[in-house]
Structure formats: C-alpha cells, structure tokens
Amino acid sequence: MAAIKTRLSGIVAGASSATGWEYRYTPDAVIRHHELDESCLDPSLGSGEPVIYVMIPARRDMTNATSRERDARIEFDLGLAKRWTPGDENPHTLAAPNREQIQGRLAADAEARLTDDPTFADYQGFGVYLVQVMSEDMSAEATYYPGWAIVLLRVTVEYRNMAGHP
C-alpha cells in the first residue's frame, strides 16, 4: 500500500501521464483510513478547493507462496474527494464543471496514474503485474456529501514479491 500511496501522491495537475492523459487535479493529501468519512474531508488542506485521496484497505490474499517468493493480491477502495461549492445544485442552472464532471476527472486521474507507467512494476522488491480499477461508484447514495464531489473506486493489485518482504 505504501508504493501505491507514493504513486498517487505523484499526480501533478497539468502534467501528462505516460499514455498522454493530462492530469486535472493535484491531490493535497493521500491518506489511509478505514472509511471515507467526515474526518477525512478537511477543507483547510491546500489552497482553495482541496483534493483528498483516501485509501481504504479491503482485502489481501496470498497465493503460491514458496520459500523464495509469493504471489499476492490486494483489493482496496479509493475514495477521491474534491471540495466543490456550486452556487446551487439546480440541474437547470448548474454551471460547468458540475459534480459528475469533477467525479469523472478525479477517477480518470487516479486510474491513469495507477495503470499507465511500467516503472511501477518494480518497487522495493515488488513486481506488480496487474493493476485494475474494477468499478467506479458515483451514486448519490454512496458519494453525496455537501460541498464535495466524491467518487469511489475499487482497485485490485496483483504482485509477486521475494520472501522476507511484506
């Protein structure tokens, strides 16, 4: 999870990914927490409208372990939040960017960063061989919080590491 946190922390708005995606938002914080809740949404971070990534551990499986190496799979939820204060949320008068556009941009930034760079494939003894963003949840039931645009991603990382590495 530390390697993933480092990777996400490297997003810089205006820079391009290896596949040409231009990142829209620089995260002001990338944190680990047991859920995306109000304590994670700190409007004082950054300047103006902070962007906060919350890594929420879900599951870790070990397979094919030998005395020299093992394969593993980590699943986690990634909550992406951006402070957003529209004048109102009347769908007839709402100016761009709207909540859904911001959610889409947040998701695209994180997905591009996690899946586009082969240098992520070897980090401190880890050989990552698959990163998948399995789902995006923009539903109001799961993501609505006044003053914030939030999207939830389910991410799966499969990797092989040498014995003795966590």
C-alpha atoms as a PDB file:
ATOM      1  CA  MET A   1       0.000   0.000   0.000  1.00  0.00           C
ATOM      2  CA  ALA A   2       2.939   2.350   0.606  1.00  0.00           C
ATOM      3  CA  ALA A   3       4.027   2.024  -3.030  1.00  0.00           C
ATOM      4  CA  ILE A   4       0.518   2.837  -4.210  1.00  0.00           C
ATOM      5  CA  LYS A   5       0.290   5.827  -1.879  1.00  0.00           C
ATOM      6  CA  THR A   6       3.618   7.126  -3.219  1.00  0.00           C
ATOM      7  CA  ARG A   7       2.428   6.626  -6.773  1.00  0.00           C
ATOM      8  CA  LEU A   8      -0.827   8.533  -6.243  1.00  0.00           C
ATOM      9  CA  SER A   9       0.962  11.337  -4.388  1.00  0.00           C
ATOM     10  CA  GLY A  10       2.964  11.999  -7.564  1.00  0.00           C
ATOM     11  CA  ILE A  11      -0.006  13.277  -9.572  1.00  0.00           C
ATOM     12  CA  VAL A  12       0.532  16.879 -10.680  1.00  0.00           C
ATOM     13  CA  ALA A  13      -2.220  18.857 -12.415  1.00  0.00           C
ATOM     14  CA  GLY A  14      -1.207  19.849 -15.934  1.00  0.00           C
ATOM     15  CA  ALA A  15       1.399  17.087 -16.276  1.00  0.00           C
ATOM     16  CA  SER A  16       0.831  14.234 -18.700  1.00  0.00           C
ATOM     17  CA  SER A  17       0.810  10.521 -17.948  1.00  0.00           C
ATOM     18  CA  ALA A  18       2.826   8.017 -19.996  1.00  0.00           C
ATOM     19  CA  THR A  19      -0.269   7.406 -22.137  1.00  0.00           C
ATOM     20  CA  GLY A  20      -0.924  11.093 -22.712  1.00  0.00           C
ATOM     21  CA  TRP A  21      -3.677  11.737 -20.140  1.00  0.00           C
ATOM     22  CA  GLU A  22      -3.357  15.284 -18.770  1.00  0.00           C
ATOM     23  CA  TYR A  23      -3.955  15.207 -15.026  1.00  0.00           C
ATOM     24  CA  ARG A  24      -6.617  17.648 -13.865  1.00  0.00           C
ATOM     25  CA  TYR A  25      -6.144  17.775 -10.088  1.00  0.00           C
ATOM     26  CA  THR A  26      -3.129  17.521  -7.755  1.00  0.00           C
ATOM     27  CA  PRO A  27      -4.001  15.652  -4.542  1.00  0.00           C
ATOM     28  CA  ASP A  28      -3.359  17.748  -1.428  1.00  0.00           C
ATOM     29  CA  ALA A  29      -3.371  14.592   0.687  1.00  0.00           C
ATOM     30  CA  VAL A  30      -3.238  10.825   0.117  1.00  0.00           C
ATOM     31  CA  ILE A  31      -4.174   9.051   3.338  1.00  0.00           C
ATOM     32  CA  ARG A  32      -5.158   5.616   4.628  1.00  0.00           C
ATOM     33  CA  HIS A  33      -8.278   5.330   6.722  1.00  0.00           C
ATOM     34  CA  HIS A  34     -10.863   2.643   7.480  1.00  0.00           C
ATOM     35  CA  GLU A  35     -13.536   4.577   5.561  1.00  0.00           C
ATOM     36  CA  LEU A  36     -14.134   7.811   3.744  1.00  0.00           C
ATOM     37  CA  ASP A  37     -15.893   9.849   6.379  1.00  0.00           C
ATOM     38  CA  GLU A  38     -16.174  13.440   7.525  1.00  0.00           C
ATOM     39  CA  SER A  39     -12.856  13.270   9.388  1.00  0.00           C
ATOM     40  CA  CYS A  40     -11.080  12.774   6.036  1.00  0.00           C
ATOM     41  CA  LEU A  41     -12.685  15.797   4.379  1.00  0.00           C
ATOM     42  CA  ASP A  42     -10.503  18.640   5.633  1.00  0.00           C
ATOM     43  CA  PRO A  43     -11.339  21.862   3.749  1.00  0.00           C
ATOM     44  CA  SER A  44      -8.240  23.594   5.164  1.00  0.00           C
ATOM     45  CA  LEU A  45      -5.815  21.450   3.145  1.00  0.00           C
ATOM     46  CA  GLY A  46      -4.139  23.007   0.130  1.00  0.00           C
ATOM     47  CA  SER A  47      -5.314  26.280  -1.281  1.00  0.00           C
ATOM     48  CA  GLY A  48      -8.859  26.850  -2.369  1.00  0.00           C
ATOM     49  CA  GLU A  49     -10.567  23.571  -3.206  1.00  0.00           C
ATOM     50  CA  PRO A  50      -8.535  20.676  -1.755  1.00  0.00           C
ATOM     51  CA  VAL A  51      -8.325  17.260  -3.385  1.00  0.00           C
ATOM     52  CA  ILE A  52      -8.068  14.320  -0.987  1.00  0.00           C
ATOM     53  CA  TYR A  53      -7.450  10.640  -1.801  1.00  0.00           C
ATOM     54  CA  VAL A  54      -8.432   8.099   0.863  1.00  0.00           C
ATOM     55  CA  MET A  55      -7.108   4.539   0.559  1.00  0.00           C
ATOM     56  CA  ILE A  56      -9.467   2.130   2.314  1.00  0.00           C
ATOM     57  CA  PRO A  57      -7.988  -1.374   2.756  1.00  0.00           C
ATOM     58  CA  ALA A  58     -10.434  -4.117   1.832  1.00  0.00           C
ATOM     59  CA  ARG A  59      -8.719  -7.482   1.361  1.00  0.00           C
ATOM     60  CA  ARG A  60      -5.335  -9.142   0.918  1.00  0.00           C
ATOM     61  CA  ASP A  61      -4.845 -12.693  -0.385  1.00  0.00           C
ATOM     62  CA  MET A  62      -1.631 -14.709  -0.578  1.00  0.00           C
ATOM     63  CA  THR A  63      -1.248 -17.471  -3.141  1.00  0.00           C
ATOM     64  CA  ASN A  64       1.557 -19.636  -4.498  1.00  0.00           C
ATOM     65  CA  ALA A  65       3.905 -18.995  -1.579  1.00  0.00           C
ATOM     66  CA  THR A  66       7.302 -20.702  -1.689  1.00  0.00           C
ATOM     67  CA  SER A  67      10.460 -20.242   0.345  1.00  0.00           C
ATOM     68  CA  ARG A  68      11.737 -17.698  -2.211  1.00  0.00           C
ATOM     69  CA  GLU A  69       8.705 -15.759  -3.435  1.00  0.00           C
ATOM     70  CA  ARG A  70       4.948 -15.413  -3.243  1.00  0.00           C
ATOM     71  CA  ASP A  71       2.090 -14.049  -5.269  1.00  0.00           C
ATOM     72  CA  ALA A  72      -0.412 -11.765  -3.607  1.00  0.00           C
ATOM     73  CA  ARG A  73      -3.477  -9.735  -4.388  1.00  0.00           C
ATOM     74  CA  ILE A  74      -4.639  -6.575  -2.643  1.00  0.00           C
ATOM     75  CA  GLU A  75      -8.057  -5.045  -3.073  1.00  0.00           C
ATOM     76  CA  PHE A  76      -8.846  -1.632  -1.726  1.00  0.00           C
ATOM     77  CA  ASP A  77     -11.342   1.139  -2.157  1.00  0.00           C
ATOM     78  CA  LEU A  78     -10.035   4.515  -3.190  1.00  0.00           C
ATOM     79  CA  GLY A  79     -12.171   7.473  -2.192  1.00  0.00           C
ATOM     80  CA  LEU A  80     -11.436  10.594  -4.221  1.00  0.00           C
ATOM     81  CA  ALA A  81     -12.825  13.885  -2.969  1.00  0.00           C
ATOM     82  CA  LYS A  82     -12.600  17.458  -4.211  1.00  0.00           C
ATOM     83  CA  ARG A  83     -14.032  20.451  -2.418  1.00  0.00           C
ATOM     84  CA  TRP A  84     -16.728  21.864  -4.638  1.00  0.00           C
ATOM     85  CA  THR A  85     -19.073  24.687  -3.819  1.00  0.00           C
ATOM     86  CA  PRO A  86     -21.534  25.470  -6.576  1.00  0.00           C
ATOM     87  CA  GLY A  87     -23.892  28.404  -6.188  1.00  0.00           C
ATOM     88  CA  ASP A  88     -26.663  25.822  -6.040  1.00  0.00           C
ATOM     89  CA  GLU A  89     -27.314  22.364  -7.420  1.00  0.00           C
ATOM     90  CA  ASN A  90     -30.342  23.188  -9.510  1.00  0.00           C
ATOM     91  CA  PRO A  91     -29.913  20.907 -12.568  1.00  0.00           C
ATOM     92  CA  HIS A  92     -31.439  23.591 -14.828  1.00  0.00           C
ATOM     93  CA  THR A  93     -28.958  26.346 -13.935  1.00  0.00           C
ATOM     94  CA  LEU A  94     -25.832  24.500 -12.812  1.00  0.00           C
ATOM     95  CA  ALA A  95     -22.662  25.799 -14.438  1.00  0.00           C
ATOM     96  CA  ALA A  96     -19.795  23.559 -15.560  1.00  0.00           C
ATOM     97  CA  PRO A  97     -17.954  21.835 -14.175  1.00  0.00           C
ATOM     98  CA  ASN A  98     -20.741  20.013 -12.392  1.00  0.00           C
ATOM     99  CA  ARG A  99     -20.376  17.316  -9.738  1.00  0.00           C
ATOM    100  CA  GLU A 100     -20.440  14.467 -12.272  1.00  0.00           C
ATOM    101  CA  GLN A 101     -17.731  16.062 -14.442  1.00  0.00           C
ATOM    102  CA  ILE A 102     -15.466  16.541 -11.410  1.00  0.00           C
ATOM    103  CA  GLN A 103     -16.086  12.947 -10.302  1.00  0.00           C
ATOM    104  CA  GLY A 104     -15.154  11.687 -13.779  1.00  0.00           C
ATOM    105  CA  ARG A 105     -11.954  13.733 -13.835  1.00  0.00           C
ATOM    106  CA  LEU A 106     -10.930  12.542 -10.368  1.00  0.00           C
ATOM    107  CA  ALA A 107     -11.485   8.919 -11.385  1.00  0.00           C
ATOM    108  CA  ALA A 108      -9.600   9.320 -14.668  1.00  0.00           C
ATOM    109  CA  ASP A 109      -6.605  10.919 -12.917  1.00  0.00           C
ATOM    110  CA  ALA A 110      -6.292   8.074 -10.398  1.00  0.00           C
ATOM    111  CA  GLU A 111      -6.866   5.355 -12.991  1.00  0.00           C
ATOM    112  CA  ALA A 112      -4.253   6.825 -15.354  1.00  0.00           C
ATOM    113  CA  ARG A 113      -1.671   7.102 -12.581  1.00  0.00           C
ATOM    114  CA  LEU A 114      -2.201   3.554 -11.352  1.00  0.00           C
ATOM    115  CA  THR A 115      -2.250   1.832 -14.741  1.00  0.00           C
ATOM    116  CA  ASP A 116      -0.035   3.678 -17.209  1.00  0.00           C
ATOM    117  CA  ASP A 117       3.573   3.587 -16.015  1.00  0.00           C
ATOM    118  CA  PRO A 118       5.777   0.490 -16.321  1.00  0.00           C
ATOM    119  CA  THR A 119       8.215   1.858 -13.698  1.00  0.00           C
ATOM    120  CA  PHE A 120       5.564   0.975 -11.123  1.00  0.00           C
ATOM    121  CA  ALA A 121       6.254  -2.677 -11.963  1.00  0.00           C
ATOM    122  CA  ASP A 122       9.308  -2.911  -9.718  1.00  0.00           C
ATOM    123  CA  TYR A 123       9.188  -1.015  -6.460  1.00  0.00           C
ATOM    124  CA  GLN A 124      11.276  -2.116  -3.458  1.00  0.00           C
ATOM    125  CA  GLY A 125      11.227  -5.822  -4.284  1.00  0.00           C
ATOM    126  CA  PHE A 126       7.647  -5.889  -5.501  1.00  0.00           C
ATOM    127  CA  GLY A 127       6.840  -6.960  -9.027  1.00  0.00           C
ATOM    128  CA  VAL A 128       3.387  -5.623  -9.827  1.00  0.00           C
ATOM    129  CA  TYR A 129       1.946  -7.480 -12.781  1.00  0.00           C
ATOM    130  CA  LEU A 130      -1.666  -6.317 -12.782  1.00  0.00           C
ATOM    131  CA  VAL A 131      -3.460  -3.165 -11.645  1.00  0.00           C
ATOM    132  CA  GLN A 132      -7.169  -2.923 -12.358  1.00  0.00           C
ATOM    133  CA  VAL A 133      -9.740  -0.326 -11.491  1.00  0.00           C
ATOM    134  CA  MET A 134     -12.676  -2.673 -11.102  1.00  0.00           C
ATOM    135  CA  SER A 135     -15.528  -0.223 -10.585  1.00  0.00           C
ATOM    136  CA  GLU A 136     -16.495   3.392 -10.098  1.00  0.00           C
ATOM    137  CA  ASP A 137     -19.326   4.471  -7.844  1.00  0.00           C
ATOM    138  CA  MET A 138     -20.715   7.966  -8.366  1.00  0.00           C
ATOM    139  CA  SER A 139     -24.160   7.193  -6.978  1.00  0.00           C
ATOM    140  CA  ALA A 140     -25.657   9.840  -4.741  1.00  0.00           C
ATOM    141  CA  GLU A 141     -26.320   7.231  -2.037  1.00  0.00           C
ATOM    142  CA  ALA A 142     -22.612   6.413  -1.757  1.00  0.00           C
ATOM    143  CA  THR A 143     -20.919   9.683  -2.630  1.00  0.00           C
ATOM    144  CA  TYR A 144     -23.080  12.697  -1.805  1.00  0.00           C
ATOM    145  CA  TYR A 145     -21.658  14.993   0.827  1.00  0.00           C
ATOM    146  CA  PRO A 146     -22.485  18.721   0.754  1.00  0.00           C
ATOM    147  CA  GLY A 147     -19.660  20.852  -0.601  1.00  0.00           C
ATOM    148  CA  TRP A 148     -17.669  17.925  -2.035  1.00  0.00           C
ATOM    149  CA  ALA A 149     -17.526  15.947  -5.268  1.00  0.00           C
ATOM    150  CA  ILE A 150     -16.683  12.341  -4.331  1.00  0.00           C
ATOM    151  CA  VAL A 151     -16.146   9.154  -6.325  1.00  0.00           C
ATOM    152  CA  LEU A 152     -15.301   5.667  -5.033  1.00  0.00           C
ATOM    153  CA  LEU A 153     -13.096   3.246  -6.968  1.00  0.00           C
ATOM    154  CA  ARG A 154     -12.425  -0.443  -6.282  1.00  0.00           C
ATOM    155  CA  VAL A 155      -8.809  -1.225  -7.150  1.00  0.00           C
ATOM    156  CA  THR A 156      -7.114  -4.619  -7.431  1.00  0.00           C
ATOM    157  CA  VAL A 157      -3.319  -5.003  -7.469  1.00  0.00           C
ATOM    158  CA  GLU A 158      -1.673  -8.368  -8.132  1.00  0.00           C
ATOM    159  CA  TYR A 159       2.043  -8.680  -7.448  1.00  0.00           C
ATOM    160  CA  ARG A 160       4.904 -11.056  -6.762  1.00  0.00           C
ATOM    161  CA  ASN A 161       7.478 -10.360  -4.085  1.00  0.00           C
ATOM    162  CA  MET A 162      10.518 -12.034  -2.650  1.00  0.00           C
ATOM    163  CA  ALA A 163      10.354 -13.909   0.638  1.00  0.00           C
ATOM    164  CA  GLY A 164      11.122 -11.604   3.534  1.00  0.00           C
ATOM    165  CA  HIS A 165       9.326  -8.590   2.039  1.00  0.00           C
ATOM    166  CA  PRO A 166       5.918  -7.708   3.485  1.00  0.00           C
END
